[in-house]
Amino acid sequence: MGRISYPLYLFHEPCSWAIHLALGKKPQSIADCLLVAALAAPLSILVAALLNRFVGDPLVRRGRRIVKREAPQTVCKVALKCK
């Protein structure tokens, strides 16, 4: 759950609004609110997991490759105080 916590934070509200729009009405009772929550929670988790898998993880891997490739040059420049 920790890996998807930030995407979950970002997308729980849009998923809730999407459920509201799909139902076509504003919740009028506690039962309606519970229905929206019951539908929005798994949808939000699914969206967050997919975003993490197809956006977050590839960007982290790319960033690690860039840092790994450029790190020796940076260390050399700092150690030798070169420009």
Protein backbone atom coordinates (compact mmCIF):
# COMPACT_ATOMS: atom_id res chain seq x y z
CA MET A 1 0.00 0.00 0.00
CA GLY A 2 2.92 2.36 0.62
CA ARG A 3 3.97 2.41 -3.02
CA ILE A 4 0.55 3.56 -4.18
CA SER A 5 -0.22 5.93 -1.32
CA TYR A 6 0.64 9.13 -3.20
CA PRO A 7 -1.22 8.20 -6.43
CA LEU A 8 -4.11 7.09 -4.22
CA TYR A 9 -4.08 10.48 -2.49
CA LEU A 10 -4.06 12.24 -5.87
CA PHE A 11 -6.83 10.22 -7.52
CA HIS A 12 -9.30 9.28 -4.79
CA GLU A 13 -11.26 12.49 -5.26
CA PRO A 14 -11.53 12.29 -9.09
CA CYS A 15 -12.62 8.65 -8.74
CA SER A 16 -15.30 9.67 -6.25
CA TRP A 17 -16.54 12.35 -8.63
CA ALA A 18 -16.56 9.85 -11.50
CA ILE A 19 -18.78 7.54 -9.43
CA HIS A 20 -21.07 10.47 -8.62
CA LEU A 21 -21.36 11.27 -12.33
CA ALA A 22 -21.91 7.63 -13.26
CA LEU A 23 -24.74 7.32 -10.75
CA GLY A 24 -26.26 10.51 -12.11
CA LYS A 25 -27.38 11.94 -8.80
CA LYS A 26 -26.08 13.53 -5.65
CA PRO A 27 -26.08 11.26 -2.62
CA GLN A 28 -29.27 11.94 -0.69
CA SER A 29 -28.78 9.55 2.20
CA ILE A 30 -26.09 7.77 4.17
CA ALA A 31 -26.78 4.66 2.11
CA ASP A 32 -26.02 6.63 -1.07
CA CYS A 33 -22.75 7.93 0.45
CA LEU A 34 -21.77 4.41 1.50
CA LEU A 35 -22.50 3.16 -2.03
CA VAL A 36 -20.26 5.85 -3.52
CA ALA A 37 -17.51 5.04 -1.01
CA ALA A 38 -17.84 1.30 -1.65
CA LEU A 39 -17.47 1.84 -5.39
CA ALA A 40 -14.87 4.60 -5.27
CA ALA A 41 -12.43 2.85 -2.90
CA PRO A 42 -11.60 -0.13 -5.16
CA LEU A 43 -11.62 2.10 -8.25
CA SER A 44 -9.18 4.50 -6.58
CA ILE A 45 -6.89 1.66 -5.53
CA LEU A 46 -6.97 0.21 -9.05
CA VAL A 47 -6.20 3.57 -10.68
CA ALA A 48 -3.38 4.24 -8.19
CA ALA A 49 -1.84 0.81 -8.75
CA LEU A 50 -2.00 1.20 -12.54
CA LEU A 51 -0.46 4.67 -12.39
CA ASN A 52 2.31 3.41 -10.16
CA ARG A 53 2.97 0.43 -12.43
CA PHE A 54 2.92 2.24 -15.77
CA VAL A 55 4.02 5.78 -14.85
CA GLY A 56 5.72 5.91 -11.46
CA ASP A 57 7.94 2.83 -11.65
CA PRO A 58 9.26 3.55 -15.18
CA LEU A 59 10.11 7.13 -14.21
CA VAL A 60 11.96 5.97 -11.09
CA ARG A 61 13.95 3.44 -13.14
CA ARG A 62 14.81 6.10 -15.72
CA GLY A 63 15.90 8.51 -12.99
CA ARG A 64 18.14 5.88 -11.42
CA ARG A 65 19.77 5.19 -14.78
CA ILE A 66 20.42 8.89 -15.33
CA VAL A 67 21.90 9.32 -11.86
CA LYS A 68 24.03 6.20 -12.26
CA ARG A 69 25.31 7.39 -15.64
CA GLU A 70 26.06 10.97 -14.57
CA ALA A 71 27.16 10.40 -10.97
CA PRO A 72 30.86 9.61 -11.67
CA GLN A 73 31.24 12.81 -13.72
CA THR A 74 29.62 14.88 -10.99
CA VAL A 75 31.80 13.38 -8.27
CA CYS A 76 34.90 14.05 -10.37
CA LYS A 77 33.90 17.66 -10.95
CA VAL A 78 33.20 18.28 -7.27
CA ALA A 79 36.38 16.51 -6.09
CA LEU A 80 38.59 18.35 -8.57
CA LYS A 81 36.56 21.57 -8.46
CA CYS A 82 36.44 21.57 -12.25
CA LYS A 83 33.83 23.31 -14.33
